[in-house]
Protein backbone atom coordinates (compact mmCIF):
# COMPACT_ATOMS: atom_id res chain seq x y z
CA MET A 1 -16.74 7.73 -10.93
CA SER A 2 -20.14 8.65 -9.61
CA CYS A 3 -21.52 7.28 -6.39
CA VAL A 4 -23.56 4.07 -6.55
CA GLU A 5 -27.20 5.10 -6.76
CA SER A 6 -29.43 4.63 -3.71
CA SER A 7 -32.01 2.77 -5.76
CA GLU A 8 -29.40 0.23 -6.78
CA PHE A 9 -28.53 -0.36 -3.15
CA GLY A 10 -32.23 -0.86 -2.48
CA ARG A 11 -32.51 -3.52 -5.17
CA ASN A 12 -29.42 -5.26 -3.81
CA GLU A 13 -30.10 -4.64 -0.13
CA SER A 14 -29.40 -8.22 0.91
CA LYS A 15 -25.94 -8.12 -0.66
CA ALA A 16 -25.14 -4.76 0.86
CA VAL A 17 -26.25 -5.95 4.30
CA ALA A 18 -24.20 -9.12 3.93
CA LEU A 19 -21.13 -7.07 3.05
CA GLU A 20 -21.73 -4.68 5.94
CA GLU A 21 -22.03 -7.58 8.38
CA SER A 22 -18.90 -9.10 6.83
CA ILE A 23 -17.02 -5.87 7.46
CA LYS A 24 -18.22 -5.67 11.07
CA LEU A 25 -17.31 -9.28 11.80
CA GLY A 26 -14.00 -8.85 10.01
CA ARG A 27 -13.19 -5.83 12.14
CA ARG A 28 -13.99 -7.73 15.34
CA SER A 29 -11.91 -10.69 14.17
CA PHE A 30 -9.12 -8.30 13.22
CA ALA A 31 -9.26 -6.63 16.64
CA ARG A 32 -9.06 -9.98 18.39
CA ASN A 33 -6.17 -11.22 16.28
CA ASN A 34 -4.23 -7.96 15.85
CA GLY A 35 -4.69 -8.20 12.10
CA SER A 36 -3.17 -11.66 11.78
CA VAL A 37 -3.71 -15.27 12.64
CA VAL A 38 -2.86 -16.39 16.13
CA SER A 39 -0.08 -18.75 15.08
CA ILE A 40 2.89 -16.69 13.97
CA SER A 41 5.42 -18.19 11.60
CA GLY A 42 9.09 -17.55 12.23
CA PRO A 43 10.93 -16.94 15.50
CA LEU A 44 8.81 -16.00 18.50
CA ASP A 45 11.41 -13.72 20.02
CA ILE A 46 13.69 -10.88 18.98
CA ASP A 47 17.40 -11.35 18.38
CA GLU A 48 19.38 -9.58 21.09
CA LYS A 49 21.36 -7.78 18.37
CA LEU A 50 18.18 -5.93 17.33
CA LEU A 51 17.47 -4.56 20.80
CA ILE A 52 18.47 -1.05 21.83
CA ASP A 53 18.99 0.42 25.28
CA PRO A 54 15.78 2.25 26.31
CA LYS A 55 17.85 4.50 28.58
CA LEU A 56 19.43 6.01 25.45
CA LEU A 57 16.06 6.59 23.78
CA PHE A 58 14.49 10.03 24.20
CA VAL A 59 10.86 10.53 23.17
CA GLY A 60 9.70 13.90 21.85
CA SER A 61 6.44 15.15 20.36
CA LYS A 62 3.80 12.88 18.84
CA ILE A 63 3.76 12.92 15.03
CA GLY A 64 1.21 10.21 14.27
CA GLU A 65 -1.21 7.63 15.62
CA GLY A 66 -2.73 4.45 14.27
CA ALA A 67 -4.63 1.34 15.30
CA HIS A 68 -1.50 -0.34 16.64
CA GLY A 69 0.18 2.51 18.51
CA LYS A 70 1.51 6.06 18.49
CA VAL A 71 4.52 7.48 16.65
CA TYR A 72 6.80 10.12 18.15
CA GLN A 73 9.79 12.10 17.02
CA GLY A 74 12.75 11.21 19.19
CA LYS A 75 16.44 10.60 19.51
CA TYR A 76 18.56 7.49 19.96
CA ARG A 77 22.17 8.25 20.86
CA ASP A 78 23.01 11.03 18.37
CA GLN A 79 20.46 10.05 15.73
CA ILE A 80 17.04 11.65 15.18
CA VAL A 81 14.53 8.81 14.86
CA ALA A 82 10.84 8.00 14.60
CA ILE A 83 9.65 6.04 17.64
CA LYS A 84 6.62 3.78 17.35
CA VAL A 85 5.19 2.84 20.75
CA VAL A 86 3.06 -0.26 20.25
CA ASN A 87 -0.16 -0.72 22.21
CA GLY A 88 0.33 -3.10 25.13
CA GLY A 89 -3.18 -4.47 25.55
CA SER A 90 -5.38 -4.70 28.64
CA THR A 91 -6.03 -8.44 29.08
CA PRO A 92 -3.55 -11.36 29.18
CA ASP A 93 -4.81 -12.75 25.86
CA GLU A 94 -4.67 -9.34 24.19
CA LYS A 95 -1.18 -8.68 25.55
CA GLU A 96 0.02 -12.03 24.21
CA LEU A 97 -1.37 -11.33 20.74
CA LEU A 98 0.03 -7.79 20.61
CA GLU A 99 3.44 -8.95 21.75
CA ALA A 100 3.46 -11.68 19.08
CA GLY A 101 2.55 -9.08 16.45
CA PHE A 102 5.26 -6.74 17.73
CA ILE A 103 7.89 -9.49 17.53
CA ARG A 104 6.76 -10.39 14.02
CA GLU A 105 6.93 -6.75 12.88
CA VAL A 106 10.44 -6.25 14.32
CA ASN A 107 11.73 -9.45 12.76
CA MET A 108 10.32 -8.54 9.35
CA MET A 109 11.60 -4.95 9.42
CA SER A 110 15.09 -6.11 10.38
CA LYS A 111 15.02 -8.77 7.67
CA VAL A 112 14.58 -6.43 4.69
CA LYS A 113 16.80 -3.53 3.65
CA HIS A 114 16.13 -1.33 0.63
CA GLU A 115 16.53 2.34 -0.22
CA ASN A 116 12.75 2.63 -0.62
CA LEU A 117 11.96 1.01 2.74
CA VAL A 118 12.21 3.05 5.92
CA LYS A 119 15.42 2.07 7.73
CA PHE A 120 15.06 -0.02 10.88
CA ILE A 121 17.18 1.23 13.81
CA GLY A 122 16.24 -1.08 16.66
CA ALA A 123 13.60 -2.11 19.16
CA CYS A 124 13.05 -2.61 22.87
CA LYS A 125 10.47 -4.73 24.71
CA HIS A 126 10.63 -3.22 28.18
CA PRO A 127 9.25 -1.12 29.75
CA LEU A 128 7.28 -0.54 26.52
CA MET A 129 7.25 -2.23 23.12
CA VAL A 130 9.07 0.27 20.91
CA ILE A 131 10.32 0.29 17.33
CA ALA A 132 12.81 2.96 16.24
CA THR A 133 13.28 3.80 12.55
CA GLU A 134 14.84 6.59 10.55
CA LEU A 135 12.84 9.81 10.66
CA LEU A 136 12.02 11.23 7.26
CA PRO A 137 11.59 15.03 7.34
CA GLY A 138 9.19 14.94 4.40
CA MET A 139 5.42 14.46 4.62
CA SER A 140 3.32 11.46 3.72
CA LEU A 141 2.31 10.98 0.11
CA LYS A 142 -1.31 11.49 1.15
CA LYS A 143 -0.59 14.89 2.73
CA PHE A 144 1.59 15.95 -0.19
CA LEU A 145 -1.05 15.11 -2.80
CA SER A 146 -3.68 16.93 -0.73
CA SER A 147 -1.42 19.99 -0.43
CA ILE A 148 -1.10 20.45 -4.20
CA LYS A 149 -4.75 19.92 -5.19
CA PRO A 150 -6.26 20.65 -7.66
CA GLN A 151 -2.93 20.37 -9.44
CA GLN A 152 -1.49 17.01 -10.43
CA LEU A 153 1.98 15.55 -10.49
CA ASP A 154 3.74 15.67 -13.82
CA ILE A 155 3.92 12.31 -15.54
CA ARG A 156 7.63 11.73 -14.86
CA THR A 157 7.20 12.33 -11.12
CA SER A 158 4.10 10.11 -10.98
CA VAL A 159 5.94 7.23 -12.62
CA SER A 160 9.13 7.81 -10.57
CA TYR A 161 7.15 7.65 -7.33
CA ALA A 162 5.34 4.54 -8.56
CA LEU A 163 8.69 2.97 -9.43
CA ASP A 164 10.00 3.64 -5.91
CA ILE A 165 6.92 1.97 -4.43
CA ALA A 166 7.13 -1.00 -6.79
CA ARG A 167 10.80 -1.54 -5.94
CA ALA A 168 10.04 -1.50 -2.21
CA MET A 169 7.21 -3.98 -2.69
CA ASP A 170 9.35 -6.18 -4.92
CA CYS A 171 11.87 -6.38 -2.07
CA LEU A 172 9.17 -7.38 0.42
CA HIS A 173 7.70 -10.03 -1.86
CA ALA A 174 11.16 -11.40 -2.65
CA ASN A 175 11.52 -11.97 1.10
CA GLY A 176 8.12 -13.62 1.42
CA ILE A 177 6.39 -10.66 3.07
CA ILE A 178 2.91 -9.34 2.25
CA HIS A 179 2.38 -5.73 3.36
CA ARG A 180 -1.45 -5.77 3.25
CA ASP A 181 -1.89 -2.04 3.87
CA LEU A 182 -0.30 -0.26 0.92
CA LYS A 183 -1.79 3.25 0.69
CA PRO A 184 -0.57 6.89 0.50
CA ASP A 185 -0.70 7.20 4.32
CA ASN A 186 2.05 4.58 4.57
CA LEU A 187 4.34 6.20 2.01
CA LEU A 188 6.69 9.00 3.03
CA LEU A 189 8.53 11.50 0.86
CA THR A 190 12.14 12.48 1.44
CA ALA A 191 12.83 16.15 2.23
CA ASN A 192 13.63 16.98 -1.42
CA LYS A 193 10.48 15.15 -2.65
CA LYS A 194 12.62 13.08 -4.99
CA GLN A 195 12.05 9.70 -3.38
CA VAL A 196 9.29 7.69 -1.71
CA LYS A 197 9.78 5.21 1.14
CA LEU A 198 7.36 2.60 2.46
CA ILE A 199 6.61 2.51 6.19
CA ASP A 200 4.45 0.67 8.72
CA PHE A 201 4.68 -3.11 8.89
CA GLY A 202 1.87 -3.27 11.46
CA LEU A 203 -0.33 -5.39 9.18
CA ALA A 204 2.48 -7.10 7.29
CA ARG A 205 2.96 -10.83 7.65
CA GLU A 206 5.03 -13.61 6.17
CA GLU A 207 3.38 -15.45 3.31
CA THR A 208 2.79 -19.17 3.79
CA VAL A 209 1.40 -21.77 1.44
CA ASN A 210 -1.06 -23.54 3.73
CA GLU A 211 -1.82 -21.13 6.55
CA MET A 212 -5.05 -19.18 6.31
CA MET A 213 -5.02 -15.43 6.99
CA THR A 214 -7.51 -12.99 8.45
CA ALA A 215 -9.77 -11.33 5.92
CA GLU A 216 -10.79 -7.65 6.05
CA THR A 217 -7.28 -6.38 6.83
CA GLY A 218 -6.10 -3.11 5.35
CA THR A 219 -8.00 0.01 4.33
CA TYR A 220 -11.15 -0.55 2.28
CA ARG A 221 -10.57 1.80 -0.65
CA TRP A 222 -7.22 0.16 -1.37
CA MET A 223 -8.11 -3.44 -0.52
CA ALA A 224 -8.18 -6.18 -3.13
CA PRO A 225 -11.64 -7.72 -3.76
CA GLU A 226 -10.46 -11.14 -2.53
CA LEU A 227 -9.94 -9.60 0.92
CA TYR A 228 -13.65 -8.87 1.13
CA SER A 229 -16.14 -11.61 1.87
CA THR A 230 -19.22 -11.37 -0.33
CA VAL A 231 -21.16 -13.43 2.19
CA THR A 232 -21.40 -12.94 5.94
CA LEU A 233 -18.21 -14.06 7.69
CA ARG A 234 -18.39 -16.64 10.43
CA ARG A 235 -16.80 -15.45 13.64
CA GLY A 236 -13.00 -15.51 13.33
CA GLU A 237 -13.17 -16.91 9.78
CA LYS A 238 -9.90 -16.99 7.86
CA LYS A 239 -9.23 -17.25 4.15
CA HIS A 240 -6.20 -17.79 1.95
CA TYR A 241 -4.86 -15.13 -0.37
CA THR A 242 -1.51 -14.30 -1.93
CA ASN A 243 0.86 -11.35 -2.24
CA LYS A 244 -1.17 -10.23 -5.26
CA VAL A 245 -3.38 -8.30 -2.80
CA ASP A 246 -0.50 -5.81 -2.64
CA VAL A 247 -0.45 -5.54 -6.43
CA TYR A 248 -4.11 -4.52 -6.44
CA SER A 249 -3.43 -1.85 -3.80
CA PHE A 250 -0.50 -0.60 -5.87
CA GLY A 251 -2.82 -0.19 -8.85
CA ILE A 252 -5.09 2.08 -6.78
CA VAL A 253 -2.12 4.09 -5.45
CA PHE A 254 -0.70 4.49 -8.97
CA TRP A 255 -4.12 5.72 -10.12
CA GLU A 256 -3.95 8.37 -7.36
CA LEU A 257 -0.48 9.42 -8.51
CA LEU A 258 -1.83 9.92 -12.02
CA THR A 259 -5.05 11.72 -11.06
CA ASN A 260 -4.54 13.22 -7.57
CA LYS A 261 -8.07 12.16 -6.66
CA MET A 262 -9.55 9.98 -3.94
CA PRO A 263 -10.39 6.47 -5.17
CA PHE A 264 -14.16 5.94 -5.32
CA GLU A 265 -14.64 9.61 -4.52
CA GLY A 266 -18.12 10.43 -3.31
CA MET A 267 -18.66 6.95 -1.91
CA SER A 268 -18.67 5.88 1.72
CA ASN A 269 -16.32 3.08 2.76
CA LEU A 270 -19.19 0.61 2.50
CA GLN A 271 -20.15 1.84 -0.96
CA ALA A 272 -16.53 1.61 -2.14
CA ALA A 273 -16.29 -1.94 -0.82
CA TYR A 274 -19.61 -2.81 -2.47
CA ALA A 275 -18.53 -1.31 -5.79
CA ALA A 276 -15.23 -3.23 -5.87
CA ALA A 277 -16.53 -6.56 -4.55
CA PHE A 278 -19.94 -6.85 -6.22
CA LYS A 279 -19.81 -4.56 -9.23
CA GLN A 280 -16.16 -4.99 -10.23
CA MET A 281 -15.97 -1.20 -10.48
CA ARG A 282 -12.63 0.62 -10.67
CA PRO A 283 -11.78 4.35 -10.68
CA PRO A 284 -11.68 5.81 -14.22
CA LEU A 285 -8.38 6.87 -15.76
CA PRO A 286 -8.17 10.18 -17.69
CA ASN A 287 -8.59 9.81 -21.44
CA ASP A 288 -5.10 11.19 -22.12
CA THR A 289 -3.31 8.68 -19.88
CA PRO A 290 -0.50 7.02 -21.87
CA PRO A 291 -1.63 3.55 -23.03
CA GLU A 292 1.34 1.84 -21.35
CA LEU A 293 0.30 3.25 -17.98
CA VAL A 294 -3.36 2.38 -18.56
CA PHE A 295 -2.24 -1.19 -19.19
CA ILE A 296 -0.11 -1.33 -16.03
CA VAL A 297 -2.82 0.09 -13.77
CA GLN A 298 -5.58 -2.10 -15.20
CA SER A 299 -3.36 -5.19 -15.04
CA CYS A 300 -2.77 -4.56 -11.35
CA TRP A 301 -6.41 -4.35 -10.36
CA VAL A 302 -7.95 -7.13 -12.48
CA GLU A 303 -10.37 -9.36 -10.57
CA ASP A 304 -8.35 -12.58 -10.90
CA PRO A 305 -5.22 -12.28 -8.69
CA ASN A 306 -3.38 -14.87 -10.78
CA THR A 307 -3.38 -12.59 -13.83
CA ARG A 308 -1.95 -9.57 -12.01
CA PRO A 309 1.73 -8.89 -12.74
CA SER A 310 4.46 -9.38 -10.17
CA PHE A 311 6.28 -6.33 -8.83
CA SER A 312 9.43 -7.34 -10.68
CA GLN A 313 7.41 -7.14 -13.92
CA ILE A 314 5.90 -3.81 -12.85
CA VAL A 315 9.39 -2.42 -12.17
CA ARG A 316 10.54 -3.41 -15.65
CA MET A 317 7.49 -1.88 -17.31
CA LEU A 318 7.81 1.41 -15.42
CA ASP A 319 11.54 1.56 -16.11
CA SER A 320 10.89 1.01 -19.80
CA PHE A 321 8.25 3.75 -19.86
CA LEU A 322 10.57 6.27 -18.18
CA CYS A 323 13.09 5.65 -20.95
CA THR A 324 10.54 6.93 -23.49
CA LEU A 325 10.10 10.30 -21.78
CA PRO A 326 11.81 13.52 -22.89
CA PRO A 327 14.44 15.06 -20.56
CA PRO A 328 13.02 16.46 -17.29
CA PRO A 329 12.39 20.22 -17.00
CA THR A 330 15.13 22.45 -15.63
CA CYS A 331 12.96 24.05 -12.91
CA THR A 332 13.50 23.03 -9.30
CA GLY A 333 11.40 22.61 -6.17
CA ALA A 334 7.69 21.82 -6.02
CA GLU A 335 7.05 23.40 -9.43
CA SER A 336 9.02 20.61 -11.11
CA VAL A 337 6.54 17.94 -9.97
CA LEU A 338 3.28 19.69 -10.83
CA VAL A 339 1.13 20.09 -13.90
CA ASP A 340 -2.16 22.00 -14.16
CA ALA A 341 -5.03 19.57 -13.72
CA PRO A 342 -7.30 20.89 -16.52
CA SER A 343 -4.78 20.84 -19.37
CA ARG A 344 -2.63 17.77 -18.75
CA SER A 345 -0.56 19.08 -21.66
CA THR A 346 2.56 17.21 -20.52
CA SER A 347 0.59 13.99 -20.43
CA ALA A 348 -0.71 14.58 -23.94
CA VAL A 349 2.83 15.05 -25.24
CA ILE A 350 4.01 11.95 -23.42
CA SER A 351 1.09 9.94 -24.71
CA ALA A 352 2.00 10.80 -28.29
CA THR A 353 5.70 10.10 -27.67
CA SER A 354 5.14 6.81 -25.89
CA ALA A 355 2.68 5.64 -28.52
CA ARG A 356 5.43 5.98 -31.14
CA VAL A 357 8.35 4.68 -29.11
CA GLY A 358 6.67 2.13 -26.86
CA GLY A 359 4.03 0.59 -29.12
CA LYS A 360 5.99 -2.57 -29.86
CA LYS A 361 7.03 -2.91 -26.23
CA LEU A 362 3.43 -2.61 -25.04
CA SER A 363 2.35 -5.22 -27.56
CA PHE A 364 5.02 -7.57 -26.23
CA ILE A 365 3.96 -6.99 -22.62
CA ARG A 366 0.32 -7.65 -23.49
CA GLN A 367 1.37 -10.91 -25.13
CA LEU A 368 3.35 -11.80 -22.04
CA PHE A 369 0.35 -11.41 -19.72
CA ALA A 370 -1.98 -13.08 -22.20
CA ALA A 371 0.35 -16.09 -22.23
CA LYS A 372 0.49 -16.11 -18.44
CA LYS A 373 -3.31 -15.93 -18.20
CA ALA A 374 -3.68 -18.80 -20.69
CA ALA A 375 -1.23 -20.90 -18.67
CA ASN A 376 -3.31 -20.39 -15.53
CA VAL A 377 -6.60 -21.40 -17.13
């Protein structure tokens, strides 16, 4: 997709300025509220069973850093772990908000267990707020995709990774949790590159029916349009949205798995936000993308959240598509997950195969979503 033309921004300057101000106010609101509303649903403390002895926790070298803290490689007892040290804040109000967010994150991480979610080990509140999880020796999905450019993943690997992500998200949503920051940075590969696991619950929160949530949370290129405000936000303004914001983000991530490109490439963050919120623009899929996968991706990022599929439906569709693929190649290592970007010959073969085998299934799925959309009108 080409960058939005400067002249177009000139003609729509008032909208662009409104969006920019919305982003700035959203960021300030987000900073004040630690990415969530002040009232936190659920228990306001951590079960003693989840706490670990800080004297048995050894912190090693730093391996990452984000808005909410730093991550280190470390050791707890005899286990190698990842240690997230959460920012403590500088004022009483900030400390209170950060501690509430820390408690919420620990309680959510301990609540959900799945093979595609990073395993929670334990936490401690003093002398620092710390969360210990399993340490995956593999790199993030973002770093891995960057390392293989300009090559692309083969279609089986792309769909397998997407299936791992969808299963993790299905588990979160089944437990009433919205992640709100699904992106390749928050997805880690296992050492053998056969599996993907979701990390970082720093922006996650429990979904409620009536409570309003802070807008402008997440990372702009992967954020659902309903998380943007198309008019200037009032200070601290909240809005209601559903777990379908994660489905939109998944659609963008799946597009990256299929293309190994940056979404809205060539655009600034503001331009990407403008394109998604005002122009309903989406990244283009390659012409040889199998029709079933085109349908899944486009269903995930439709404008109306109510017509997006659930992750349980996405899991079923991806599972069904994998069943149409020929046996995997016999090669091992990184070569088994790559295909030359210019030819996409594997994709062309799969497209022809899936068109024959999966045509009726795709028609049924389209009818399913059409019926759902009609029911919501």
